[in-house]
Amino acid sequence: MQTADTIALDRLAAVALANVGTPYPFHLTHLARTSADVLAPAALHPLFHGAYDWHSCVHMHWTLARCLRLGVGDGIAESVAEHFDARFTPDHAAAERAYLSAPGRGAFERPYGWGWLLQLAAELDALAAVAPAAARWRDALVPLAATIAERFILWLPRADFPVRAGTHGNSAFALLLARQYARRHHEPLAAAIDDRAQRWYGADRAYPVGYEPGGDDFLSGGLCEALLMARLLPAEQWASWWSAFAPAAAISPWLAPVPVADPTDAKIVHLHGLNLSRAWCWRQLQPLLPAPLQATAAQAATAHLDASLGAATDGDYVGTHWLASFALLAVSGESVDGC
């Protein structure tokens, strides 16, 4: 018997499954070295084609894997499993790895796509623990995840400064996604993430909350930073850091959902993602906040969810090809160590 929660997961999973099966439109970010490299997305990316672009395809598969783990109806579960069986093969994953390894592609999808790829690997690992059939999907992705982890290791020491924008380049969000995988599977990467995050953000004070959001943000740079530091620091130390970083009198711009004037515009619709990712951050941070702020954080999370949750399953494809992942982050109720 399905519950209301299961039905909601079914809707998110159905949207994600439709997305990964939609070949076009596809926004191709591709370095063509010769005319022989000009190929269709499915030829370039036999695993991660569909869902409008490479990184969205990655996190739509994360959405599917998490929905399977949290529980969906039998019909959609069977369809998702059939899709994973067809896509997550060693040959397909090897082709993705070969693409990444070609000259000139060292920064492909850095850091956003990297973070989501490692988050997907971690989710498949968790899924395989409760659904043994998923082990073959997890195992197919292992070499590609290892390649991405090594790229993080090589990149982080050279990244002297963080990217604070609320879009794909955001450093804190990528490290949040990658950290779960790293803590379980790659201790050197986990150490590198924690070291770089401390260097980037440890001394931050009086964050300019009023400068958010930018016009096409889908992340709050400040809240993502705060959440990352919450995973690094002991609770008392984080509380001290937070009080200096975001004094209570300054956080009001983070509390109200932002309006989305045109959800058919591929950039403006990002603001629905901002509302959903803010909801995720507030729900994660709430237990760590000073007692007077906890109710405020809960109210802010609910308001942001109410404003944009429907956009994850209804609306123009420029939004629905990716928003389900951010909706699932916001509602799945897990700490970021389970993200």
C-alpha atoms as a PDB file:
ATOM      1  CA  MET A   1       0.000   0.000   0.000  1.00  0.00           C
ATOM      2  CA  GLN A   2       1.386   3.380  -0.984  1.00  0.00           C
ATOM      3  CA  THR A   3       1.667   6.241   1.485  1.00  0.00           C
ATOM      4  CA  ALA A   4       1.527   9.931   0.673  1.00  0.00           C
ATOM      5  CA  ASP A   5       5.305  10.037   0.974  1.00  0.00           C
ATOM      6  CA  THR A   6       5.664   7.125  -1.452  1.00  0.00           C
ATOM      7  CA  ILE A   7       3.387   8.809  -3.959  1.00  0.00           C
ATOM      8  CA  ALA A   8       5.507  11.988  -3.754  1.00  0.00           C
ATOM      9  CA  LEU A   9       8.648   9.912  -4.350  1.00  0.00           C
ATOM     10  CA  ASP A  10       6.916   8.206  -7.261  1.00  0.00           C
ATOM     11  CA  ARG A  11       6.285  11.593  -8.879  1.00  0.00           C
ATOM     12  CA  LEU A  12       9.884  12.695  -8.458  1.00  0.00           C
ATOM     13  CA  ALA A  13      11.142   9.348  -9.757  1.00  0.00           C
ATOM     14  CA  ALA A  14       8.794   9.456 -12.745  1.00  0.00           C
ATOM     15  CA  VAL A  15      10.021  12.915 -13.703  1.00  0.00           C
ATOM     16  CA  ALA A  16      13.655  11.864 -13.297  1.00  0.00           C
ATOM     17  CA  LEU A  17      13.119   8.721 -15.380  1.00  0.00           C
ATOM     18  CA  ALA A  18      11.455  10.716 -18.146  1.00  0.00           C
ATOM     19  CA  ASN A  19      14.322  13.216 -18.066  1.00  0.00           C
ATOM     20  CA  VAL A  20      17.126  10.698 -18.489  1.00  0.00           C
ATOM     21  CA  GLY A  21      15.200   9.201 -21.402  1.00  0.00           C
ATOM     22  CA  THR A  22      14.809  12.553 -23.172  1.00  0.00           C
ATOM     23  CA  PRO A  23      17.691  12.913 -25.650  1.00  0.00           C
ATOM     24  CA  TYR A  24      16.981  16.464 -26.820  1.00  0.00           C
ATOM     25  CA  PRO A  25      17.242  19.324 -26.166  1.00  0.00           C
ATOM     26  CA  PHE A  26      20.744  18.728 -24.842  1.00  0.00           C
ATOM     27  CA  HIS A  27      23.135  21.484 -23.798  1.00  0.00           C
ATOM     28  CA  LEU A  28      26.475  20.024 -24.844  1.00  0.00           C
ATOM     29  CA  THR A  29      29.610  21.307 -23.119  1.00  0.00           C
ATOM     30  CA  HIS A  30      32.225  19.656 -25.249  1.00  0.00           C
ATOM     31  CA  LEU A  31      35.789  20.289 -26.359  1.00  0.00           C
ATOM     32  CA  ALA A  32      36.039  19.033 -29.935  1.00  0.00           C
ATOM     33  CA  ARG A  33      39.710  18.508 -30.801  1.00  0.00           C
ATOM     34  CA  THR A  34      39.010  17.485 -34.405  1.00  0.00           C
ATOM     35  CA  SER A  35      35.959  17.048 -36.614  1.00  0.00           C
ATOM     36  CA  ALA A  36      35.895  13.383 -35.556  1.00  0.00           C
ATOM     37  CA  ASP A  37      34.897  14.574 -32.077  1.00  0.00           C
ATOM     38  CA  VAL A  38      31.670  16.145 -33.336  1.00  0.00           C
ATOM     39  CA  LEU A  39      29.219  13.463 -32.279  1.00  0.00           C
ATOM     40  CA  ALA A  40      25.757  13.128 -30.810  1.00  0.00           C
ATOM     41  CA  PRO A  41      25.470  13.304 -26.997  1.00  0.00           C
ATOM     42  CA  ALA A  42      24.658   9.595 -26.704  1.00  0.00           C
ATOM     43  CA  ALA A  43      27.840   8.721 -28.593  1.00  0.00           C
ATOM     44  CA  LEU A  44      29.965  11.011 -26.449  1.00  0.00           C
ATOM     45  CA  HIS A  45      28.274  10.048 -23.181  1.00  0.00           C
ATOM     46  CA  PRO A  46      26.725   6.579 -23.362  1.00  0.00           C
ATOM     47  CA  LEU A  47      25.978   6.651 -19.643  1.00  0.00           C
ATOM     48  CA  PHE A  48      25.071  10.284 -18.953  1.00  0.00           C
ATOM     49  CA  HIS A  49      23.050  11.539 -21.904  1.00  0.00           C
ATOM     50  CA  GLY A  50      19.530  12.896 -21.602  1.00  0.00           C
ATOM     51  CA  ALA A  51      18.127  15.297 -18.984  1.00  0.00           C
ATOM     52  CA  TYR A  52      19.356  18.365 -20.902  1.00  0.00           C
ATOM     53  CA  ASP A  53      23.042  18.236 -19.895  1.00  0.00           C
ATOM     54  CA  TRP A  54      25.696  15.956 -18.402  1.00  0.00           C
ATOM     55  CA  HIS A  55      25.534  17.101 -14.796  1.00  0.00           C
ATOM     56  CA  SER A  56      21.739  17.086 -14.711  1.00  0.00           C
ATOM     57  CA  CYS A  57      21.780  13.558 -16.067  1.00  0.00           C
ATOM     58  CA  VAL A  58      24.134  12.574 -13.252  1.00  0.00           C
ATOM     59  CA  HIS A  59      21.951  14.012 -10.525  1.00  0.00           C
ATOM     60  CA  MET A  60      18.745  12.741 -12.083  1.00  0.00           C
ATOM     61  CA  HIS A  61      20.268   9.275 -11.678  1.00  0.00           C
ATOM     62  CA  TRP A  62      21.047  10.184  -8.076  1.00  0.00           C
ATOM     63  CA  THR A  63      17.370  11.096  -7.722  1.00  0.00           C
ATOM     64  CA  LEU A  64      16.341   7.724  -9.097  1.00  0.00           C
ATOM     65  CA  ALA A  65      18.734   5.833  -6.849  1.00  0.00           C
ATOM     66  CA  ARG A  66      17.637   7.688  -3.733  1.00  0.00           C
ATOM     67  CA  CYS A  67      13.965   7.263  -4.568  1.00  0.00           C
ATOM     68  CA  LEU A  68      14.555   3.526  -4.911  1.00  0.00           C
ATOM     69  CA  ARG A  69      16.273   3.423  -1.539  1.00  0.00           C
ATOM     70  CA  LEU A  70      13.596   5.471   0.228  1.00  0.00           C
ATOM     71  CA  GLY A  71      10.789   3.468  -1.337  1.00  0.00           C
ATOM     72  CA  VAL A  72       8.691   3.875  -4.478  1.00  0.00           C
ATOM     73  CA  GLY A  73       5.838   1.877  -5.937  1.00  0.00           C
ATOM     74  CA  ASP A  74       6.623  -1.454  -7.552  1.00  0.00           C
ATOM     75  CA  GLY A  75       5.818  -0.271 -11.073  1.00  0.00           C
ATOM     76  CA  ILE A  76       8.151   2.692 -11.072  1.00  0.00           C
ATOM     77  CA  ALA A  77      10.806   0.684  -9.216  1.00  0.00           C
ATOM     78  CA  GLU A  78      10.812  -1.937 -11.966  1.00  0.00           C
ATOM     79  CA  SER A  79      11.121   0.721 -14.665  1.00  0.00           C
ATOM     80  CA  VAL A  80      13.988   2.413 -12.847  1.00  0.00           C
ATOM     81  CA  ALA A  81      15.809  -0.894 -12.395  1.00  0.00           C
ATOM     82  CA  GLU A  82      15.433  -1.690 -16.096  1.00  0.00           C
ATOM     83  CA  HIS A  83      16.863   1.710 -16.958  1.00  0.00           C
ATOM     84  CA  PHE A  84      19.843   1.265 -14.629  1.00  0.00           C
ATOM     85  CA  ASP A  85      20.513  -2.180 -16.056  1.00  0.00           C
ATOM     86  CA  ALA A  86      20.653  -0.698 -19.549  1.00  0.00           C
ATOM     87  CA  ARG A  87      22.767   2.369 -18.702  1.00  0.00           C
ATOM     88  CA  PHE A  88      25.042   1.363 -15.839  1.00  0.00           C
ATOM     89  CA  THR A  89      27.277  -1.122 -17.583  1.00  0.00           C
ATOM     90  CA  PRO A  90      31.061  -1.370 -17.305  1.00  0.00           C
ATOM     91  CA  ASP A  91      31.445  -0.464 -20.985  1.00  0.00           C
ATOM     92  CA  HIS A  92      29.349   2.687 -20.693  1.00  0.00           C
ATOM     93  CA  ALA A  93      31.181   3.821 -17.578  1.00  0.00           C
ATOM     94  CA  ALA A  94      34.537   3.091 -19.228  1.00  0.00           C
ATOM     95  CA  ALA A  95      33.546   5.261 -22.184  1.00  0.00           C
ATOM     96  CA  GLU A  96      32.702   8.144 -19.826  1.00  0.00           C
ATOM     97  CA  ARG A  97      36.059   7.690 -18.126  1.00  0.00           C
ATOM     98  CA  ALA A  98      37.842   7.694 -21.481  1.00  0.00           C
ATOM     99  CA  TYR A  99      36.056  10.914 -22.415  1.00  0.00           C
ATOM    100  CA  LEU A 100      37.218  12.591 -19.208  1.00  0.00           C
ATOM    101  CA  SER A 101      40.758  11.339 -19.729  1.00  0.00           C
ATOM    102  CA  ALA A 102      41.195  12.829 -23.205  1.00  0.00           C
ATOM    103  CA  PRO A 103      43.614  15.774 -23.490  1.00  0.00           C
ATOM    104  CA  GLY A 104      42.086  19.131 -22.692  1.00  0.00           C
ATOM    105  CA  ARG A 105      39.197  17.782 -20.608  1.00  0.00           C
ATOM    106  CA  GLY A 106      40.773  17.929 -17.175  1.00  0.00           C
ATOM    107  CA  ALA A 107      38.313  20.576 -15.962  1.00  0.00           C
ATOM    108  CA  PHE A 108      35.201  19.080 -17.576  1.00  0.00           C
ATOM    109  CA  GLU A 109      32.264  19.596 -15.167  1.00  0.00           C
ATOM    110  CA  ARG A 110      34.492  20.855 -12.360  1.00  0.00           C
ATOM    111  CA  PRO A 111      33.345  21.103  -9.609  1.00  0.00           C
ATOM    112  CA  TYR A 112      29.554  20.746  -9.804  1.00  0.00           C
ATOM    113  CA  GLY A 113      29.401  17.645 -11.969  1.00  0.00           C
ATOM    114  CA  TRP A 114      32.261  16.102 -10.008  1.00  0.00           C
ATOM    115  CA  GLY A 115      30.434  16.565  -6.736  1.00  0.00           C
ATOM    116  CA  TRP A 116      27.231  15.059  -8.062  1.00  0.00           C
ATOM    117  CA  LEU A 117      29.082  12.096  -9.589  1.00  0.00           C
ATOM    118  CA  LEU A 118      30.603  11.242  -6.223  1.00  0.00           C
ATOM    119  CA  GLN A 119      27.260  11.785  -4.506  1.00  0.00           C
ATOM    120  CA  LEU A 120      25.707   9.344  -6.983  1.00  0.00           C
ATOM    121  CA  ALA A 121      28.438   6.803  -6.249  1.00  0.00           C
ATOM    122  CA  ALA A 122      27.766   7.129  -2.521  1.00  0.00           C
ATOM    123  CA  GLU A 123      24.022   6.755  -3.051  1.00  0.00           C
ATOM    124  CA  LEU A 124      24.433   3.620  -5.146  1.00  0.00           C
ATOM    125  CA  ASP A 125      26.611   2.201  -2.398  1.00  0.00           C
ATOM    126  CA  ALA A 126      23.876   2.891   0.156  1.00  0.00           C
ATOM    127  CA  LEU A 127      21.245   1.438  -2.173  1.00  0.00           C
ATOM    128  CA  ALA A 128      23.243  -1.745  -2.722  1.00  0.00           C
ATOM    129  CA  ALA A 129      23.269  -2.308   1.049  1.00  0.00           C
ATOM    130  CA  VAL A 130      19.474  -2.698   1.032  1.00  0.00           C
ATOM    131  CA  ALA A 131      18.903  -3.839  -2.570  1.00  0.00           C
ATOM    132  CA  PRO A 132      21.673  -6.259  -3.608  1.00  0.00           C
ATOM    133  CA  ALA A 133      20.715  -6.015  -7.280  1.00  0.00           C
ATOM    134  CA  ALA A 134      22.052  -2.451  -7.231  1.00  0.00           C
ATOM    135  CA  ALA A 135      25.574  -3.722  -6.567  1.00  0.00           C
ATOM    136  CA  ARG A 136      26.205  -4.137 -10.288  1.00  0.00           C
ATOM    137  CA  TRP A 137      25.279  -0.482 -10.932  1.00  0.00           C
ATOM    138  CA  ARG A 138      27.500   0.632  -8.067  1.00  0.00           C
ATOM    139  CA  ASP A 139      30.387  -1.501  -9.271  1.00  0.00           C
ATOM    140  CA  ALA A 140      30.126  -0.206 -12.834  1.00  0.00           C
ATOM    141  CA  LEU A 141      30.581   3.347 -11.555  1.00  0.00           C
ATOM    142  CA  VAL A 142      33.490   2.628  -9.192  1.00  0.00           C
ATOM    143  CA  PRO A 143      36.354   3.351 -11.673  1.00  0.00           C
ATOM    144  CA  LEU A 144      34.748   6.578 -12.860  1.00  0.00           C
ATOM    145  CA  ALA A 145      34.200   7.743  -9.271  1.00  0.00           C
ATOM    146  CA  ALA A 146      37.830   6.946  -8.472  1.00  0.00           C
ATOM    147  CA  THR A 147      38.936   9.073 -11.428  1.00  0.00           C
ATOM    148  CA  ILE A 148      36.832  12.016 -10.235  1.00  0.00           C
ATOM    149  CA  ALA A 149      38.162  11.617  -6.690  1.00  0.00           C
ATOM    150  CA  GLU A 150      41.724  11.789  -7.982  1.00  0.00           C
ATOM    151  CA  ARG A 151      40.871  14.911  -9.966  1.00  0.00           C
ATOM    152  CA  PHE A 152      39.604  16.549  -6.796  1.00  0.00           C
ATOM    153  CA  ILE A 153      42.845  15.596  -5.045  1.00  0.00           C
ATOM    154  CA  LEU A 154      44.907  17.216  -7.797  1.00  0.00           C
ATOM    155  CA  TRP A 155      42.746  20.314  -8.062  1.00  0.00           C
ATOM    156  CA  LEU A 156      42.103  21.315  -4.450  1.00  0.00           C
ATOM    157  CA  PRO A 157      45.707  22.238  -3.519  1.00  0.00           C
ATOM    158  CA  ARG A 158      45.819  24.546  -6.547  1.00  0.00           C
ATOM    159  CA  ALA A 159      42.492  26.238  -5.769  1.00  0.00           C
ATOM    160  CA  ASP A 160      43.703  29.138  -3.656  1.00  0.00           C
ATOM    161  CA  PHE A 161      40.334  30.875  -3.618  1.00  0.00           C
ATOM    162  CA  PRO A 162      36.753  29.575  -3.419  1.00  0.00           C
ATOM    163  CA  VAL A 163      34.017  30.386  -5.898  1.00  0.00           C
ATOM    164  CA  ARG A 164      31.184  31.914  -3.904  1.00  0.00           C
ATOM    165  CA  ALA A 165      28.654  32.430  -6.706  1.00  0.00           C
ATOM    166  CA  GLY A 166      25.351  30.624  -6.296  1.00  0.00           C
ATOM    167  CA  THR A 167      25.694  28.729  -9.565  1.00  0.00           C
ATOM    168  CA  HIS A 168      27.571  25.681 -10.884  1.00  0.00           C
ATOM    169  CA  GLY A 169      31.022  26.887  -9.885  1.00  0.00           C
ATOM    170  CA  ASN A 170      30.145  27.148  -6.194  1.00  0.00           C
ATOM    171  CA  SER A 171      32.934  25.527  -4.215  1.00  0.00           C
ATOM    172  CA  ALA A 172      31.115  24.801  -0.958  1.00  0.00           C
ATOM    173  CA  PHE A 173      28.240  22.906  -2.564  1.00  0.00           C
ATOM    174  CA  ALA A 174      30.570  20.679  -4.571  1.00  0.00           C
ATOM    175  CA  LEU A 175      32.568  19.816  -1.459  1.00  0.00           C
ATOM    176  CA  LEU A 176      29.380  19.054   0.459  1.00  0.00           C
ATOM    177  CA  LEU A 177      28.385  16.559  -2.223  1.00  0.00           C
ATOM    178  CA  ALA A 178      31.835  15.003  -2.531  1.00  0.00           C
ATOM    179  CA  ARG A 179      32.535  14.743   1.182  1.00  0.00           C
ATOM    180  CA  GLN A 180      30.154  11.871   1.894  1.00  0.00           C
ATOM    181  CA  TYR A 181      31.811   9.679  -0.737  1.00  0.00           C
ATOM    182  CA  ALA A 182      35.256  10.755   0.431  1.00  0.00           C
ATOM    183  CA  ARG A 183      34.648   9.934   4.077  1.00  0.00           C
ATOM    184  CA  ARG A 184      33.606   6.390   3.183  1.00  0.00           C
ATOM    185  CA  HIS A 185      35.838   5.590   0.245  1.00  0.00           C
ATOM    186  CA  HIS A 186      38.766   7.993  -0.043  1.00  0.00           C
ATOM    187  CA  GLU A 187      40.361   9.242   3.160  1.00  0.00           C
ATOM    188  CA  PRO A 188      42.967  11.418   1.379  1.00  0.00           C
ATOM    189  CA  LEU A 189      40.170  13.241  -0.438  1.00  0.00           C
ATOM    190  CA  ALA A 190      38.207  13.688   2.787  1.00  0.00           C
ATOM    191  CA  ALA A 191      41.293  15.229   4.405  1.00  0.00           C
ATOM    192  CA  ALA A 192      41.888  17.478   1.382  1.00  0.00           C
ATOM    193  CA  ILE A 193      38.274  18.675   1.419  1.00  0.00           C
ATOM    194  CA  ASP A 194      38.366  19.500   5.121  1.00  0.00           C
ATOM    195  CA  ASP A 195      41.718  21.263   4.835  1.00  0.00           C
ATOM    196  CA  ARG A 196      40.686  23.369   1.872  1.00  0.00           C
ATOM    197  CA  ALA A 197      37.295  24.240   3.378  1.00  0.00           C
ATOM    198  CA  GLN A 198      38.974  25.413   6.569  1.00  0.00           C
ATOM    199  CA  ARG A 199      41.433  27.509   4.557  1.00  0.00           C
ATOM    200  CA  TRP A 200      38.682  29.001   2.414  1.00  0.00           C
ATOM    201  CA  TYR A 201      36.035  29.659   5.019  1.00  0.00           C
ATOM    202  CA  GLY A 202      37.384  29.252   8.534  1.00  0.00           C
ATOM    203  CA  ALA A 203      38.101  32.943   9.077  1.00  0.00           C
ATOM    204  CA  ASP A 204      34.993  34.299   7.346  1.00  0.00           C
ATOM    205  CA  ARG A 205      33.079  36.916   9.308  1.00  0.00           C
ATOM    206  CA  ALA A 206      30.012  39.086   8.714  1.00  0.00           C
ATOM    207  CA  TYR A 207      28.910  37.428   5.486  1.00  0.00           C
ATOM    208  CA  PRO A 208      27.129  39.971   3.211  1.00  0.00           C
ATOM    209  CA  VAL A 209      23.737  38.255   3.252  1.00  0.00           C
ATOM    210  CA  GLY A 210      22.104  41.216   1.569  1.00  0.00           C
ATOM    211  CA  TYR A 211      24.094  40.606  -1.604  1.00  0.00           C
ATOM    212  CA  GLU A 212      22.145  37.402  -2.203  1.00  0.00           C
ATOM    213  CA  PRO A 213      20.599  36.305  -4.428  1.00  0.00           C
ATOM    214  CA  GLY A 214      22.103  36.859  -7.817  1.00  0.00           C
ATOM    215  CA  GLY A 215      19.673  36.850 -10.706  1.00  0.00           C
ATOM    216  CA  ASP A 216      20.270  33.238 -11.715  1.00  0.00           C
ATOM    217  CA  ASP A 217      21.428  31.694  -8.432  1.00  0.00           C
ATOM    218  CA  PHE A 218      20.219  28.236  -7.519  1.00  0.00           C
ATOM    219  CA  LEU A 219      22.389  28.034  -4.398  1.00  0.00           C
ATOM    220  CA  SER A 220      22.918  30.319  -1.447  1.00  0.00           C
ATOM    221  CA  GLY A 221      26.655  30.745  -1.289  1.00  0.00           C
ATOM    222  CA  GLY A 222      26.454  31.710   2.381  1.00  0.00           C
ATOM    223  CA  LEU A 223      24.171  28.910   3.546  1.00  0.00           C
ATOM    224  CA  CYS A 224      26.146  26.283   1.612  1.00  0.00           C
ATOM    225  CA  GLU A 225      29.317  27.566   3.240  1.00  0.00           C
ATOM    226  CA  ALA A 226      27.685  27.413   6.674  1.00  0.00           C
ATOM    227  CA  LEU A 227      26.502  23.873   6.065  1.00  0.00           C
ATOM    228  CA  LEU A 228      29.931  22.737   4.928  1.00  0.00           C
ATOM    229  CA  MET A 229      31.533  24.237   8.029  1.00  0.00           C
ATOM    230  CA  ALA A 230      28.907  22.510  10.171  1.00  0.00           C
ATOM    231  CA  ARG A 231      30.188  19.180   8.835  1.00  0.00           C
ATOM    232  CA  LEU A 232      33.784  20.063   9.623  1.00  0.00           C
ATOM    233  CA  LEU A 233      33.583  21.653  13.045  1.00  0.00           C
ATOM    234  CA  PRO A 234      32.463  20.332  16.436  1.00  0.00           C
ATOM    235  CA  ALA A 235      29.059  21.755  17.377  1.00  0.00           C
ATOM    236  CA  GLU A 236      30.323  24.305  19.903  1.00  0.00           C
ATOM    237  CA  GLN A 237      33.054  25.518  17.571  1.00  0.00           C
ATOM    238  CA  TRP A 238      30.605  25.821  14.696  1.00  0.00           C
ATOM    239  CA  ALA A 239      28.173  27.788  16.881  1.00  0.00           C
ATOM    240  CA  SER A 240      30.920  30.308  17.556  1.00  0.00           C
ATOM    241  CA  TRP A 241      31.847  30.447  13.873  1.00  0.00           C
ATOM    242  CA  TRP A 242      28.182  30.936  12.876  1.00  0.00           C
ATOM    243  CA  SER A 243      27.578  33.764  15.349  1.00  0.00           C
ATOM    244  CA  ALA A 244      30.433  35.704  13.773  1.00  0.00           C
ATOM    245  CA  PHE A 245      29.592  34.669  10.208  1.00  0.00           C
ATOM    246  CA  ALA A 246      25.854  35.389  10.245  1.00  0.00           C
ATOM    247  CA  PRO A 247      24.696  37.511  13.185  1.00  0.00           C
ATOM    248  CA  ALA A 248      20.991  36.964  13.838  1.00  0.00           C
ATOM    249  CA  ALA A 249      20.126  40.546  12.928  1.00  0.00           C
ATOM    250  CA  ALA A 250      21.594  40.082   9.433  1.00  0.00           C
ATOM    251  CA  ILE A 251      19.947  36.881   8.181  1.00  0.00           C
ATOM    252  CA  SER A 252      16.519  38.205   7.153  1.00  0.00           C
ATOM    253  CA  PRO A 253      17.294  38.095   3.389  1.00  0.00           C
ATOM    254  CA  TRP A 254      17.719  34.317   3.726  1.00  0.00           C
ATOM    255  CA  LEU A 255      14.341  33.780   5.393  1.00  0.00           C
ATOM    256  CA  ALA A 256      11.829  34.645   2.677  1.00  0.00           C
ATOM    257  CA  PRO A 257      11.485  32.699  -0.604  1.00  0.00           C
ATOM    258  CA  VAL A 258      12.505  34.553  -3.726  1.00  0.00           C
ATOM    259  CA  PRO A 259       9.996  35.206  -6.526  1.00  0.00           C
ATOM    260  CA  VAL A 260      10.436  33.491  -9.884  1.00  0.00           C
ATOM    261  CA  ALA A 261       9.237  35.914 -12.518  1.00  0.00           C
ATOM    262  CA  ASP A 262       9.551  33.614 -15.544  1.00  0.00           C
ATOM    263  CA  PRO A 263       9.912  29.867 -14.893  1.00  0.00           C
ATOM    264  CA  THR A 264      10.179  29.239 -18.649  1.00  0.00           C
ATOM    265  CA  ASP A 265      13.481  31.127 -18.765  1.00  0.00           C
ATOM    266  CA  ALA A 266      16.415  28.735 -18.364  1.00  0.00           C
ATOM    267  CA  LYS A 267      18.287  31.140 -16.085  1.00  0.00           C
ATOM    268  CA  ILE A 268      15.475  32.769 -14.105  1.00  0.00           C
ATOM    269  CA  VAL A 269      14.052  29.353 -13.229  1.00  0.00           C
ATOM    270  CA  HIS A 270      17.261  28.758 -11.272  1.00  0.00           C
ATOM    271  CA  LEU A 271      15.564  30.720  -8.489  1.00  0.00           C
ATOM    272  CA  HIS A 272      13.197  27.798  -7.866  1.00  0.00           C
ATOM    273  CA  GLY A 273      16.318  25.761  -7.204  1.00  0.00           C
ATOM    274  CA  LEU A 274      17.530  28.473  -4.834  1.00  0.00           C
ATOM    275  CA  ASN A 275      14.345  28.167  -2.803  1.00  0.00           C
ATOM    276  CA  LEU A 276      14.676  24.390  -2.638  1.00  0.00           C
ATOM    277  CA  SER A 277      18.368  24.440  -1.761  1.00  0.00           C
ATOM    278  CA  ARG A 278      17.750  27.059   0.925  1.00  0.00           C
ATOM    279  CA  ALA A 279      15.069  24.772   2.368  1.00  0.00           C
ATOM    280  CA  TRP A 280      17.625  21.940   2.422  1.00  0.00           C
ATOM    281  CA  CYS A 281      20.218  24.114   4.150  1.00  0.00           C
ATOM    282  CA  TRP A 282      17.806  25.455   6.762  1.00  0.00           C
ATOM    283  CA  ARG A 283      16.519  21.980   7.592  1.00  0.00           C
ATOM    284  CA  GLN A 284      20.073  20.714   7.986  1.00  0.00           C
ATOM    285  CA  LEU A 285      21.235  23.664  10.065  1.00  0.00           C
ATOM    286  CA  GLN A 286      18.182  23.966  12.289  1.00  0.00           C
ATOM    287  CA  PRO A 287      19.280  21.573  15.081  1.00  0.00           C
ATOM    288  CA  LEU A 288      22.649  23.320  15.329  1.00  0.00           C
ATOM    289  CA  LEU A 289      21.333  26.864  15.574  1.00  0.00           C
ATOM    290  CA  PRO A 290      20.814  28.816  18.803  1.00  0.00           C
ATOM    291  CA  ALA A 291      17.444  27.920  20.298  1.00  0.00           C
ATOM    292  CA  PRO A 292      15.755  31.242  19.423  1.00  0.00           C
ATOM    293  CA  LEU A 293      16.611  30.710  15.731  1.00  0.00           C
ATOM    294  CA  GLN A 294      15.468  27.112  15.410  1.00  0.00           C
ATOM    295  CA  ALA A 295      11.786  27.948  14.943  1.00  0.00           C
ATOM    296  CA  THR A 296      12.732  30.688  12.498  1.00  0.00           C
ATOM    297  CA  ALA A 297      14.787  28.215  10.458  1.00  0.00           C
ATOM    298  CA  ALA A 298      11.937  25.696  10.422  1.00  0.00           C
ATOM    299  CA  GLN A 299       9.492  28.338   9.221  1.00  0.00           C
ATOM    300  CA  ALA A 300      11.923  29.487   6.528  1.00  0.00           C
ATOM    301  CA  ALA A 301      12.417  25.926   5.282  1.00  0.00           C
ATOM    302  CA  THR A 302       8.661  25.355   5.037  1.00  0.00           C
ATOM    303  CA  ALA A 303       8.082  28.648   3.240  1.00  0.00           C
ATOM    304  CA  HIS A 304      10.791  27.921   0.690  1.00  0.00           C
ATOM    305  CA  LEU A 305       9.476  24.406   0.075  1.00  0.00           C
ATOM    306  CA  ASP A 306       5.923  25.666  -0.367  1.00  0.00           C
ATOM    307  CA  ALA A 307       7.120  28.246  -2.880  1.00  0.00           C
ATOM    308  CA  SER A 308       8.987  25.900  -5.208  1.00  0.00           C
ATOM    309  CA  LEU A 309       8.284  22.223  -4.540  1.00  0.00           C
ATOM    310  CA  GLY A 310       5.635  22.074  -7.252  1.00  0.00           C
ATOM    311  CA  ALA A 311       8.110  23.341  -9.841  1.00  0.00           C
ATOM    312  CA  ALA A 312      10.086  20.114  -9.505  1.00  0.00           C
ATOM    313  CA  THR A 313       7.396  18.065 -11.234  1.00  0.00           C
ATOM    314  CA  ASP A 314       5.335  20.612 -13.175  1.00  0.00           C
ATOM    315  CA  GLY A 315       6.353  23.299 -15.599  1.00  0.00           C
ATOM    316  CA  ASP A 316       8.730  23.890 -18.452  1.00  0.00           C
ATOM    317  CA  TYR A 317      11.542  21.427 -19.156  1.00  0.00           C
ATOM    318  CA  VAL A 318      14.134  24.122 -18.455  1.00  0.00           C
ATOM    319  CA  GLY A 319      13.170  23.612 -14.815  1.00  0.00           C
ATOM    320  CA  THR A 320      11.869  20.084 -14.544  1.00  0.00           C
ATOM    321  CA  HIS A 321      15.013  18.539 -16.054  1.00  0.00           C
ATOM    322  CA  TRP A 322      16.898  19.257 -12.811  1.00  0.00           C
ATOM    323  CA  LEU A 323      14.676  20.531 -10.009  1.00  0.00           C
ATOM    324  CA  ALA A 324      13.586  17.090  -8.783  1.00  0.00           C
ATOM    325  CA  SER A 325      17.060  16.549  -7.332  1.00  0.00           C
ATOM    326  CA  PHE A 326      16.885  19.724  -5.296  1.00  0.00           C
ATOM    327  CA  ALA A 327      13.382  18.904  -4.144  1.00  0.00           C
ATOM    328  CA  LEU A 328      14.583  15.493  -3.001  1.00  0.00           C
ATOM    329  CA  LEU A 329      17.528  17.005  -1.142  1.00  0.00           C
ATOM    330  CA  ALA A 330      15.092  19.271   0.667  1.00  0.00           C
ATOM    331  CA  VAL A 331      12.506  16.647   1.615  1.00  0.00           C
ATOM    332  CA  SER A 332      14.433  13.419   2.105  1.00  0.00           C
ATOM    333  CA  GLY A 333      15.289  14.340   5.656  1.00  0.00           C
ATOM    334  CA  GLU A 334      18.849  13.046   5.866  1.00  0.00           C
ATOM    335  CA  SER A 335      21.925  14.778   7.186  1.00  0.00           C
ATOM    336  CA  VAL A 336      24.490  15.774   4.607  1.00  0.00           C
ATOM    337  CA  ASP A 337      26.738  12.989   5.862  1.00  0.00           C
ATOM    338  CA  GLY A 338      23.990  11.007   4.184  1.00  0.00           C
ATOM    339  CA  CYS A 339      23.374  14.208   2.176  1.00  0.00           C
END
